[in-house]
Structure formats: structure tokens, C-alpha cells
Amino acid sequence: MSHLSERFDAAMFDIYRRAKTEAGYNATLFLRMLSDKGGVETARQLINSTKPSDGYTSLYERGRLDLTVEAMVVENSEWHDLFVPEEIAKARIRLQKYGYSMR
């Protein structure tokens, strides 16, 4: 695994912890996906899904789209090399559709 992928995994676990402590959202399915598939594959699966995940919806309802995988991928160009441009675009479009203002 590349150093970039390892750092991305750590960042994904960090948004799990932040969602739990800052937004009161315990994303158990997300944590299981991270443990089973790793961060990059989990992010790809969530971004490429035809509809937002339950976790995305829960974070939207809490006003915390900043804690979504989509926001993490779009807003930090460090991660862009891990994804194809279409995946970054899908994540950006989903965030825009839900009224999220990009940093």
C-alpha cells in the first residue's frame, strides 16, 4: 500500500471519529467498510453509489456535510491522485446538490 493510501486510511478513520464526537453520529457500517475494504475502496464505493449513503444523509441532517467522504475527497487535493476525475466530479456534484459550500 502506498504512503498516500495509508494517510488516506488514517483520514477516513479520523472523519469517523469526528462524526461520532462532533455530530453524535456513530457510523458503524462505515467503520466496518473501512476495516474490511480500506479507505480508498470504501470512498470509491460510496462516491460511485447512485444515491447518497444513509451516513451521508444523517450528516446532512446534522448540518455536517464537511464530515462526509465526498467533502474530504473534493476539498483536499492531496487525495485527488487516488481517484479518477469522474469520481471527484461525482462527489462535488453530490455536495453541490445538497447545498454544501466548498472551501
PDB file of N, CA and C in Angstrom:
ATOM      1  N   MET A   1       0.852  -1.184   0.000  1.00  0.00           N
ATOM      2  CA  MET A   1       0.000   0.000   0.000  1.00  0.00           C
ATOM      3  C   MET A   1       0.893   1.241   0.000  1.00  0.00           C
ATOM      4  N   SER A   2       0.518   2.217  -0.784  1.00  0.00           N
ATOM      5  CA  SER A   2       1.325   3.426  -0.877  1.00  0.00           C
ATOM      6  C   SER A   2       1.167   4.272   0.379  1.00  0.00           C
ATOM      7  N   HIS A   3       2.147   5.133   0.575  1.00  0.00           N
ATOM      8  CA  HIS A   3       2.099   6.038   1.722  1.00  0.00           C
ATOM      9  C   HIS A   3       0.861   6.936   1.650  1.00  0.00           C
ATOM     10  N   LEU A   4       0.516   7.377   0.449  1.00  0.00           N
ATOM     11  CA  LEU A   4      -0.671   8.224   0.265  1.00  0.00           C
ATOM     12  C   LEU A   4      -1.939   7.473   0.676  1.00  0.00           C
ATOM     13  N   SER A   5      -2.053   6.220   0.274  1.00  0.00           N
ATOM     14  CA  SER A   5      -3.220   5.403   0.657  1.00  0.00           C
ATOM     15  C   SER A   5      -3.286   5.212   2.169  1.00  0.00           C
ATOM     16  N   GLU A   6      -2.145   5.024   2.789  1.00  0.00           N
ATOM     17  CA  GLU A   6      -2.113   4.857   4.247  1.00  0.00           C
ATOM     18  C   GLU A   6      -2.574   6.132   4.951  1.00  0.00           C
ATOM     19  N   ARG A   7      -2.147   7.278   4.451  1.00  0.00           N
ATOM     20  CA  ARG A   7      -2.574   8.544   5.038  1.00  0.00           C
ATOM     21  C   ARG A   7      -4.072   8.764   4.806  1.00  0.00           C
ATOM     22  N   PHE A   8      -4.543   8.343   3.634  1.00  0.00           N
ATOM     23  CA  PHE A   8      -5.976   8.460   3.350  1.00  0.00           C
ATOM     24  C   PHE A   8      -6.778   7.574   4.304  1.00  0.00           C
ATOM     25  N   ASP A   9      -6.316   6.356   4.542  1.00  0.00           N
ATOM     26  CA  ASP A   9      -6.987   5.475   5.513  1.00  0.00           C
ATOM     27  C   ASP A   9      -7.096   6.166   6.867  1.00  0.00           C
ATOM     28  N   ALA A  10      -6.003   6.763   7.320  1.00  0.00           N
ATOM     29  CA  ALA A  10      -5.989   7.446   8.617  1.00  0.00           C
ATOM     30  C   ALA A  10      -6.985   8.609   8.618  1.00  0.00           C
ATOM     31  N   ALA A  11      -7.058   9.349   7.521  1.00  0.00           N
ATOM     32  CA  ALA A  11      -8.001  10.466   7.419  1.00  0.00           C
ATOM     33  C   ALA A  11      -9.446   9.971   7.439  1.00  0.00           C
ATOM     34  N   MET A  12      -9.687   8.838   6.822  1.00  0.00           N
ATOM     35  CA  MET A  12     -11.041   8.260   6.826  1.00  0.00           C
ATOM     36  C   MET A  12     -11.438   7.849   8.244  1.00  0.00           C
ATOM     37  N   PHE A  13     -10.528   7.208   8.968  1.00  0.00           N
ATOM     38  CA  PHE A  13     -10.830   6.843  10.356  1.00  0.00           C
ATOM     39  C   PHE A  13     -11.042   8.107  11.196  1.00  0.00           C
ATOM     40  N   ASP A  14     -10.342   9.176  10.853  1.00  0.00           N
ATOM     41  CA  ASP A  14     -10.492  10.431  11.572  1.00  0.00           C
ATOM     42  C   ASP A  14     -11.888  11.024  11.355  1.00  0.00           C
ATOM     43  N   ILE A  15     -12.407  10.980  10.117  1.00  0.00           N
ATOM     44  CA  ILE A  15     -13.756  11.539   9.938  1.00  0.00           C
ATOM     45  C   ILE A  15     -14.808  10.658  10.625  1.00  0.00           C
ATOM     46  N   TYR A  16     -14.537   9.358  10.737  1.00  0.00           N
ATOM     47  CA  TYR A  16     -15.432   8.501  11.518  1.00  0.00           C
ATOM     48  C   TYR A  16     -15.472   8.988  12.972  1.00  0.00           C
ATOM     49  N   ARG A  17     -14.279   9.197  13.560  1.00  0.00           N
ATOM     50  CA  ARG A  17     -14.202   9.639  14.963  1.00  0.00           C
ATOM     51  C   ARG A  17     -14.835  11.024  15.139  1.00  0.00           C
ATOM     52  N   ARG A  18     -14.576  11.916  14.211  1.00  0.00           N
ATOM     53  CA  ARG A  18     -15.129  13.272  14.299  1.00  0.00           C
ATOM     54  C   ARG A  18     -16.651  13.260  14.172  1.00  0.00           C
ATOM     55  N   ALA A  19     -17.181  12.430  13.284  1.00  0.00           N
ATOM     56  CA  ALA A  19     -18.636  12.339  13.143  1.00  0.00           C
ATOM     57  C   ALA A  19     -19.256  11.870  14.456  1.00  0.00           C
ATOM     58  N   LYS A  20     -18.584  10.964  15.108  1.00  0.00           N
ATOM     59  CA  LYS A  20     -19.105  10.427  16.370  1.00  0.00           C
ATOM     60  C   LYS A  20     -19.047  11.482  17.473  1.00  0.00           C
ATOM     61  N   THR A  21     -17.914  12.147  17.611  1.00  0.00           N
ATOM     62  CA  THR A  21     -17.762  13.098  18.720  1.00  0.00           C
ATOM     63  C   THR A  21     -18.394  14.456  18.428  1.00  0.00           C
ATOM     64  N   GLU A  22     -18.266  14.956  17.206  1.00  0.00           N
ATOM     65  CA  GLU A  22     -18.740  16.303  16.891  1.00  0.00           C
ATOM     66  C   GLU A  22     -20.201  16.348  16.459  1.00  0.00           C
ATOM     67  N   ALA A  23     -20.661  15.296  15.807  1.00  0.00           N
ATOM     68  CA  ALA A  23     -22.032  15.312  15.273  1.00  0.00           C
ATOM     69  C   ALA A  23     -22.941  14.279  15.934  1.00  0.00           C
ATOM     70  N   GLY A  24     -22.407  13.500  16.848  1.00  0.00           N
ATOM     71  CA  GLY A  24     -23.218  12.492  17.516  1.00  0.00           C
ATOM     72  C   GLY A  24     -23.683  11.383  16.599  1.00  0.00           C
ATOM     73  N   TYR A  25     -22.918  11.136  15.532  1.00  0.00           N
ATOM     74  CA  TYR A  25     -23.296  10.098  14.571  1.00  0.00           C
ATOM     75  C   TYR A  25     -22.302   8.941  14.642  1.00  0.00           C
ATOM     76  N   ASN A  26     -22.795   7.780  15.043  1.00  0.00           N
ATOM     77  CA  ASN A  26     -21.964   6.585  15.156  1.00  0.00           C
ATOM     78  C   ASN A  26     -22.118   5.764  13.877  1.00  0.00           C
ATOM     79  N   ALA A  27     -21.178   5.922  12.976  1.00  0.00           N
ATOM     80  CA  ALA A  27     -21.243   5.305  11.644  1.00  0.00           C
ATOM     81  C   ALA A  27     -20.656   3.890  11.676  1.00  0.00           C
ATOM     82  N   THR A  28     -21.392   2.968  12.256  1.00  0.00           N
ATOM     83  CA  THR A  28     -20.872   1.614  12.427  1.00  0.00           C
ATOM     84  C   THR A  28     -20.659   0.897  11.090  1.00  0.00           C
ATOM     85  N   LEU A  29     -21.564   1.080  10.142  1.00  0.00           N
ATOM     86  CA  LEU A  29     -21.398   0.443   8.826  1.00  0.00           C
ATOM     87  C   LEU A  29     -20.174   1.011   8.110  1.00  0.00           C
ATOM     88  N   PHE A  30     -19.989   2.326   8.189  1.00  0.00           N
ATOM     89  CA  PHE A  30     -18.824   2.975   7.600  1.00  0.00           C
ATOM     90  C   PHE A  30     -17.537   2.418   8.217  1.00  0.00           C
ATOM     91  N   LEU A  31     -17.515   2.265   9.523  1.00  0.00           N
ATOM     92  CA  LEU A  31     -16.342   1.723  10.211  1.00  0.00           C
ATOM     93  C   LEU A  31     -16.058   0.291   9.751  1.00  0.00           C
ATOM     94  N   ARG A  32     -17.107  -0.504   9.591  1.00  0.00           N
ATOM     95  CA  ARG A  32     -16.944  -1.884   9.121  1.00  0.00           C
ATOM     96  C   ARG A  32     -16.373  -1.896   7.698  1.00  0.00           C
ATOM     97  N   MET A  33     -16.899  -1.008   6.846  1.00  0.00           N
ATOM     98  CA  MET A  33     -16.391  -0.920   5.469  1.00  0.00           C
ATOM     99  C   MET A  33     -14.915  -0.539   5.466  1.00  0.00           C
ATOM    100  N   LEU A  34     -14.556   0.437   6.284  1.00  0.00           N
ATOM    101  CA  LEU A  34     -13.152   0.852   6.370  1.00  0.00           C
ATOM    102  C   LEU A  34     -12.254  -0.304   6.798  1.00  0.00           C
ATOM    103  N   SER A  35     -12.704  -1.029   7.797  1.00  0.00           N
ATOM    104  CA  SER A  35     -11.914  -2.150   8.308  1.00  0.00           C
ATOM    105  C   SER A  35     -11.783  -3.266   7.279  1.00  0.00           C
ATOM    106  N   ASP A  36     -12.847  -3.516   6.535  1.00  0.00           N
ATOM    107  CA  ASP A  36     -12.854  -4.613   5.559  1.00  0.00           C
ATOM    108  C   ASP A  36     -12.185  -4.256   4.233  1.00  0.00           C
ATOM    109  N   LYS A  37     -12.419  -3.041   3.738  1.00  0.00           N
ATOM    110  CA  LYS A  37     -12.003  -2.679   2.380  1.00  0.00           C
ATOM    111  C   LYS A  37     -10.894  -1.646   2.307  1.00  0.00           C
ATOM    112  N   GLY A  38     -10.651  -0.952   3.413  1.00  0.00           N
ATOM    113  CA  GLY A  38      -9.697   0.145   3.393  1.00  0.00           C
ATOM    114  C   GLY A  38     -10.368   1.436   2.941  1.00  0.00           C
ATOM    115  N   GLY A  39      -9.659   2.524   3.119  1.00  0.00           N
ATOM    116  CA  GLY A  39     -10.231   3.833   2.868  1.00  0.00           C
ATOM    117  C   GLY A  39     -10.554   4.132   1.424  1.00  0.00           C
ATOM    118  N   VAL A  40      -9.628   3.821   0.519  1.00  0.00           N
ATOM    119  CA  VAL A  40      -9.829   4.186  -0.884  1.00  0.00           C
ATOM    120  C   VAL A  40     -11.004   3.421  -1.481  1.00  0.00           C
ATOM    121  N   GLU A  41     -11.057   2.129  -1.248  1.00  0.00           N
ATOM    122  CA  GLU A  41     -12.152   1.338  -1.816  1.00  0.00           C
ATOM    123  C   GLU A  41     -13.492   1.730  -1.193  1.00  0.00           C
ATOM    124  N   THR A  42     -13.498   2.018   0.100  1.00  0.00           N
ATOM    125  CA  THR A  42     -14.726   2.485   0.757  1.00  0.00           C
ATOM    126  C   THR A  42     -15.191   3.795   0.132  1.00  0.00           C
ATOM    127  N   ALA A  43     -14.273   4.722  -0.042  1.00  0.00           N
ATOM    128  CA  ALA A  43     -14.625   6.019  -0.643  1.00  0.00           C
ATOM    129  C   ALA A  43     -15.157   5.835  -2.059  1.00  0.00           C
ATOM    130  N   ARG A  44     -14.491   5.001  -2.842  1.00  0.00           N
ATOM    131  CA  ARG A  44     -14.958   4.762  -4.222  1.00  0.00           C
ATOM    132  C   ARG A  44     -16.375   4.202  -4.236  1.00  0.00           C
ATOM    133  N   GLN A  45     -16.630   3.241  -3.375  1.00  0.00           N
ATOM    134  CA  GLN A  45     -17.959   2.627  -3.331  1.00  0.00           C
ATOM    135  C   GLN A  45     -19.019   3.667  -2.956  1.00  0.00           C
ATOM    136  N   LEU A  46     -18.731   4.496  -1.969  1.00  0.00           N
ATOM    137  CA  LEU A  46     -19.707   5.497  -1.531  1.00  0.00           C
ATOM    138  C   LEU A  46     -19.909   6.582  -2.583  1.00  0.00           C
ATOM    139  N   ILE A  47     -18.826   7.041  -3.176  1.00  0.00           N
ATOM    140  CA  ILE A  47     -18.913   8.103  -4.185  1.00  0.00           C
ATOM    141  C   ILE A  47     -19.632   7.617  -5.438  1.00  0.00           C
ATOM    142  N   ASN A  48     -19.367   6.393  -5.854  1.00  0.00           N
ATOM    143  CA  ASN A  48     -19.940   5.863  -7.091  1.00  0.00           C
ATOM    144  C   ASN A  48     -21.350   5.305  -6.938  1.00  0.00           C
ATOM    145  N   SER A  49     -21.855   5.284  -5.717  1.00  0.00           N
ATOM    146  CA  SER A  49     -23.217   4.830  -5.489  1.00  0.00           C
ATOM    147  C   SER A  49     -24.190   5.789  -6.172  1.00  0.00           C
ATOM    148  N   THR A  50     -25.274   5.248  -6.703  1.00  0.00           N
ATOM    149  CA  THR A  50     -26.243   6.089  -7.408  1.00  0.00           C
ATOM    150  C   THR A  50     -27.018   7.001  -6.469  1.00  0.00           C
ATOM    151  N   LYS A  51     -27.021   6.674  -5.177  1.00  0.00           N
ATOM    152  CA  LYS A  51     -27.698   7.540  -4.205  1.00  0.00           C
ATOM    153  C   LYS A  51     -26.796   7.714  -2.987  1.00  0.00           C
ATOM    154  N   PRO A  52     -26.988   8.805  -2.266  1.00  0.00           N
ATOM    155  CA  PRO A  52     -26.181   9.030  -1.066  1.00  0.00           C
ATOM    156  C   PRO A  52     -26.394   7.926  -0.039  1.00  0.00           C
ATOM    157  N   SER A  53     -25.351   7.645   0.707  1.00  0.00           N
ATOM    158  CA  SER A  53     -25.454   6.632   1.759  1.00  0.00           C
ATOM    159  C   SER A  53     -26.321   7.153   2.903  1.00  0.00           C
ATOM    160  N   ASP A  54     -26.750   6.241   3.756  1.00  0.00           N
ATOM    161  CA  ASP A  54     -27.504   6.643   4.946  1.00  0.00           C
ATOM    162  C   ASP A  54     -26.657   7.569   5.820  1.00  0.00           C
ATOM    163  N   GLY A  55     -25.364   7.300   5.874  1.00  0.00           N
ATOM    164  CA  GLY A  55     -24.465   8.150   6.654  1.00  0.00           C
ATOM    165  C   GLY A  55     -24.394   9.560   6.103  1.00  0.00           C
ATOM    166  N   TYR A  56     -24.331   9.673   4.790  1.00  0.00           N
ATOM    167  CA  TYR A  56     -24.316  10.991   4.146  1.00  0.00           C
ATOM    168  C   TYR A  56     -25.584  11.752   4.522  1.00  0.00           C
ATOM    169  N   THR A  57     -26.712  11.058   4.422  1.00  0.00           N
ATOM    170  CA  THR A  57     -27.994  11.680   4.750  1.00  0.00           C
ATOM    171  C   THR A  57     -28.036  12.096   6.219  1.00  0.00           C
ATOM    172  N   SER A  58     -27.537  11.244   7.102  1.00  0.00           N
ATOM    173  CA  SER A  58     -27.528  11.576   8.534  1.00  0.00           C
ATOM    174  C   SER A  58     -26.650  12.790   8.813  1.00  0.00           C
ATOM    175  N   LEU A  59     -25.509  12.863   8.161  1.00  0.00           N
ATOM    176  CA  LEU A  59     -24.629  14.016   8.357  1.00  0.00           C
ATOM    177  C   LEU A  59     -25.244  15.271   7.754  1.00  0.00           C
ATOM    178  N   TYR A  60     -25.936  15.134   6.632  1.00  0.00           N
ATOM    179  CA  TYR A  60     -26.653  16.264   6.036  1.00  0.00           C
ATOM    180  C   TYR A  60     -27.695  16.807   7.020  1.00  0.00           C
ATOM    181  N   GLU A  61     -28.459  15.903   7.622  1.00  0.00           N
ATOM    182  CA  GLU A  61     -29.494  16.303   8.574  1.00  0.00           C
ATOM    183  C   GLU A  61     -28.911  17.002   9.792  1.00  0.00           C
ATOM    184  N   ARG A  62     -27.657  16.688  10.120  1.00  0.00           N
ATOM    185  CA  ARG A  62     -26.978  17.309  11.262  1.00  0.00           C
ATOM    186  C   ARG A  62     -26.214  18.575  10.848  1.00  0.00           C
ATOM    187  N   GLY A  63     -26.288  18.920   9.569  1.00  0.00           N
ATOM    188  CA  GLY A  63     -25.560  20.089   9.087  1.00  0.00           C
ATOM    189  C   GLY A  63     -24.060  19.902   9.053  1.00  0.00           C
ATOM    190  N   ARG A  64     -23.623  18.657   8.835  1.00  0.00           N
ATOM    191  CA  ARG A  64     -22.192  18.349   8.889  1.00  0.00           C
ATOM    192  C   ARG A  64     -21.704  17.614   7.640  1.00  0.00           C
ATOM    193  N   LEU A  65     -22.062  18.112   6.484  1.00  0.00           N
ATOM    194  CA  LEU A  65     -21.540  17.509   5.250  1.00  0.00           C
ATOM    195  C   LEU A  65     -20.024  17.622   5.158  1.00  0.00           C
ATOM    196  N   ASP A  66     -19.430  18.506   5.961  1.00  0.00           N
ATOM    197  CA  ASP A  66     -17.971  18.606   5.985  1.00  0.00           C
ATOM    198  C   ASP A  66     -17.315  17.315   6.480  1.00  0.00           C
ATOM    199  N   LEU A  67     -18.091  16.456   7.131  1.00  0.00           N
ATOM    200  CA  LEU A  67     -17.563  15.189   7.650  1.00  0.00           C
ATOM    201  C   LEU A  67     -17.835  14.012   6.719  1.00  0.00           C
ATOM    202  N   THR A  68     -18.280  14.285   5.506  1.00  0.00           N
ATOM    203  CA  THR A  68     -18.537  13.205   4.554  1.00  0.00           C
ATOM    204  C   THR A  68     -17.282  12.862   3.767  1.00  0.00           C
ATOM    205  N   VAL A  69     -17.274  11.665   3.251  1.00  0.00           N
ATOM    206  CA  VAL A  69     -16.200  11.218   2.368  1.00  0.00           C
ATOM    207  C   VAL A  69     -16.106  12.149   1.164  1.00  0.00           C
ATOM    208  N   GLU A  70     -17.252  12.515   0.636  1.00  0.00           N
ATOM    209  CA  GLU A  70     -17.277  13.381  -0.543  1.00  0.00           C
ATOM    210  C   GLU A  70     -16.542  14.691  -0.289  1.00  0.00           C
ATOM    211  N   ALA A  71     -16.827  15.326   0.844  1.00  0.00           N
ATOM    212  CA  ALA A  71     -16.163  16.591   1.165  1.00  0.00           C
ATOM    213  C   ALA A  71     -14.669  16.389   1.377  1.00  0.00           C
ATOM    214  N   MET A  72     -14.306  15.307   2.051  1.00  0.00           N
ATOM    215  CA  MET A  72     -12.894  15.056   2.290  1.00  0.00           C
ATOM    216  C   MET A  72     -12.131  14.906   0.975  1.00  0.00           C
ATOM    217  N   VAL A  73     -12.712  14.182   0.031  1.00  0.00           N
ATOM    218  CA  VAL A  73     -12.053  13.934  -1.253  1.00  0.00           C
ATOM    219  C   VAL A  73     -11.993  15.207  -2.092  1.00  0.00           C
ATOM    220  N   VAL A  74     -13.087  15.923  -2.159  1.00  0.00           N
ATOM    221  CA  VAL A  74     -13.146  17.112  -3.011  1.00  0.00           C
ATOM    222  C   VAL A  74     -12.270  18.232  -2.476  1.00  0.00           C
ATOM    223  N   GLU A  75     -12.324  18.456  -1.177  1.00  0.00           N
ATOM    224  CA  GLU A  75     -11.687  19.638  -0.600  1.00  0.00           C
ATOM    225  C   GLU A  75     -10.191  19.503  -0.358  1.00  0.00           C
ATOM    226  N   ASN A  76      -9.670  18.312  -0.377  1.00  0.00           N
ATOM    227  CA  ASN A  76      -8.240  18.143  -0.128  1.00  0.00           C
ATOM    228  C   ASN A  76      -7.582  17.567  -1.374  1.00  0.00           C
ATOM    229  N   SER A  77      -6.912  18.425  -2.119  1.00  0.00           N
ATOM    230  CA  SER A  77      -6.302  17.994  -3.383  1.00  0.00           C
ATOM    231  C   SER A  77      -5.231  16.924  -3.188  1.00  0.00           C
ATOM    232  N   GLU A  78      -4.757  16.742  -1.977  1.00  0.00           N
ATOM    233  CA  GLU A  78      -3.788  15.691  -1.687  1.00  0.00           C
ATOM    234  C   GLU A  78      -4.340  14.316  -2.077  1.00  0.00           C
ATOM    235  N   TRP A  79      -5.660  14.155  -1.956  1.00  0.00           N
ATOM    236  CA  TRP A  79      -6.274  12.845  -2.218  1.00  0.00           C
ATOM    237  C   TRP A  79      -6.634  12.644  -3.687  1.00  0.00           C
ATOM    238  N   HIS A  80      -6.577  13.665  -4.491  1.00  0.00           N
ATOM    239  CA  HIS A  80      -7.055  13.568  -5.874  1.00  0.00           C
ATOM    240  C   HIS A  80      -6.340  12.508  -6.701  1.00  0.00           C
ATOM    241  N   ASP A  81      -5.078  12.240  -6.408  1.00  0.00           N
ATOM    242  CA  ASP A  81      -4.351  11.209  -7.159  1.00  0.00           C
ATOM    243  C   ASP A  81      -4.890   9.802  -6.903  1.00  0.00           C
ATOM    244  N   LEU A  82      -5.665   9.627  -5.851  1.00  0.00           N
ATOM    245  CA  LEU A  82      -6.215   8.309  -5.523  1.00  0.00           C
ATOM    246  C   LEU A  82      -7.505   8.000  -6.287  1.00  0.00           C
ATOM    247  N   PHE A  83      -8.055   9.011  -6.966  1.00  0.00           N
ATOM    248  CA  PHE A  83      -9.352   8.865  -7.627  1.00  0.00           C
ATOM    249  C   PHE A  83      -9.284   9.356  -9.061  1.00  0.00           C
ATOM    250  N   VAL A  84     -10.148   8.809  -9.889  1.00  0.00           N
ATOM    251  CA  VAL A  84     -10.233   9.297 -11.271  1.00  0.00           C
ATOM    252  C   VAL A  84     -11.032  10.600 -11.251  1.00  0.00           C
ATOM    253  N   PRO A  85     -10.830  11.462 -12.229  1.00  0.00           N
ATOM    254  CA  PRO A  85     -11.535  12.745 -12.253  1.00  0.00           C
ATOM    255  C   PRO A  85     -13.059  12.608 -12.172  1.00  0.00           C
ATOM    256  N   GLU A  86     -13.607  11.563 -12.749  1.00  0.00           N
ATOM    257  CA  GLU A  86     -15.059  11.351 -12.713  1.00  0.00           C
ATOM    258  C   GLU A  86     -15.553  11.134 -11.285  1.00  0.00           C
ATOM    259  N   GLU A  87     -14.759  10.461 -10.467  1.00  0.00           N
ATOM    260  CA  GLU A  87     -15.169  10.232  -9.078  1.00  0.00           C
ATOM    261  C   GLU A  87     -15.154  11.537  -8.287  1.00  0.00           C
ATOM    262  N   ILE A  88     -14.144  12.348  -8.513  1.00  0.00           N
ATOM    263  CA  ILE A  88     -14.075  13.646  -7.840  1.00  0.00           C
ATOM    264  C   ILE A  88     -15.260  14.508  -8.276  1.00  0.00           C
ATOM    265  N   ALA A  89     -15.580  14.467  -9.560  1.00  0.00           N
ATOM    266  CA  ALA A  89     -16.721  15.238 -10.075  1.00  0.00           C
ATOM    267  C   ALA A  89     -18.032  14.754  -9.461  1.00  0.00           C
ATOM    268  N   LYS A  90     -18.219  13.438  -9.353  1.00  0.00           N
ATOM    269  CA  LYS A  90     -19.441  12.890  -8.742  1.00  0.00           C
ATOM    270  C   LYS A  90     -19.577  13.371  -7.300  1.00  0.00           C
ATOM    271  N   ALA A  91     -18.473  13.336  -6.559  1.00  0.00           N
ATOM    272  CA  ALA A  91     -18.505  13.777  -5.166  1.00  0.00           C
ATOM    273  C   ALA A  91     -18.860  15.262  -5.089  1.00  0.00           C
ATOM    274  N   ARG A  92     -18.265  16.073  -5.973  1.00  0.00           N
ATOM    275  CA  ARG A  92     -18.531  17.516  -5.999  1.00  0.00           C
ATOM    276  C   ARG A  92     -20.007  17.797  -6.330  1.00  0.00           C
ATOM    277  N   ILE A  93     -20.538  17.087  -7.307  1.00  0.00           N
ATOM    278  CA  ILE A  93     -21.935  17.279  -7.711  1.00  0.00           C
ATOM    279  C   ILE A  93     -22.882  16.907  -6.575  1.00  0.00           C
ATOM    280  N   ARG A  94     -22.602  15.817  -5.886  1.00  0.00           N
ATOM    281  CA  ARG A  94     -23.464  15.410  -4.770  1.00  0.00           C
ATOM    282  C   ARG A  94     -23.459  16.488  -3.686  1.00  0.00           C
ATOM    283  N   LEU A  95     -22.291  17.000  -3.363  1.00  0.00           N
ATOM    284  CA  LEU A  95     -22.208  18.048  -2.343  1.00  0.00           C
ATOM    285  C   LEU A  95     -22.968  19.299  -2.771  1.00  0.00           C
ATOM    286  N   GLN A  96     -22.803  19.690  -4.020  1.00  0.00           N
ATOM    287  CA  GLN A  96     -23.499  20.876  -4.534  1.00  0.00           C
ATOM    288  C   GLN A  96     -25.015  20.676  -4.500  1.00  0.00           C
ATOM    289  N   LYS A  97     -25.451  19.461  -4.854  1.00  0.00           N
ATOM    290  CA  LYS A  97     -26.883  19.158  -4.864  1.00  0.00           C
ATOM    291  C   LYS A  97     -27.499  19.335  -3.481  1.00  0.00           C
ATOM    292  N   TYR A  98     -26.709  19.097  -2.446  1.00  0.00           N
ATOM    293  CA  TYR A  98     -27.195  19.234  -1.075  1.00  0.00           C
ATOM    294  C   TYR A  98     -26.840  20.578  -0.449  1.00  0.00           C
ATOM    295  N   GLY A  99     -26.401  21.521  -1.290  1.00  0.00           N
ATOM    296  CA  GLY A  99     -26.184  22.886  -0.820  1.00  0.00           C
ATOM    297  C   GLY A  99     -24.908  23.128  -0.037  1.00  0.00           C
ATOM    298  N   TYR A 100     -23.959  22.235  -0.184  1.00  0.00           N
ATOM    299  CA  TYR A 100     -22.698  22.399   0.565  1.00  0.00           C
ATOM    300  C   TYR A 100     -21.809  23.414  -0.136  1.00  0.00           C
ATOM    301  N   SER A 101     -21.300  24.355   0.629  1.00  0.00           N
ATOM    302  CA  SER A 101     -20.365  25.346   0.090  1.00  0.00           C
ATOM    303  C   SER A 101     -18.942  24.837   0.251  1.00  0.00           C
ATOM    304  N   MET A 102     -18.275  24.680  -0.887  1.00  0.00           N
ATOM    305  CA  MET A 102     -16.899  24.180  -0.879  1.00  0.00           C
ATOM    306  C   MET A 102     -15.972  25.218  -0.287  1.00  0.00           C
ATOM    307  N   ARG A 103     -14.930  24.714   0.372  1.00  0.00           N
ATOM    308  CA  ARG A 103     -13.902  25.627   0.908  1.00  0.00           C
ATOM    309  C   ARG A 103     -13.050  26.142  -0.207  1.00  0.00           C
TER     310      ARG A 103
END
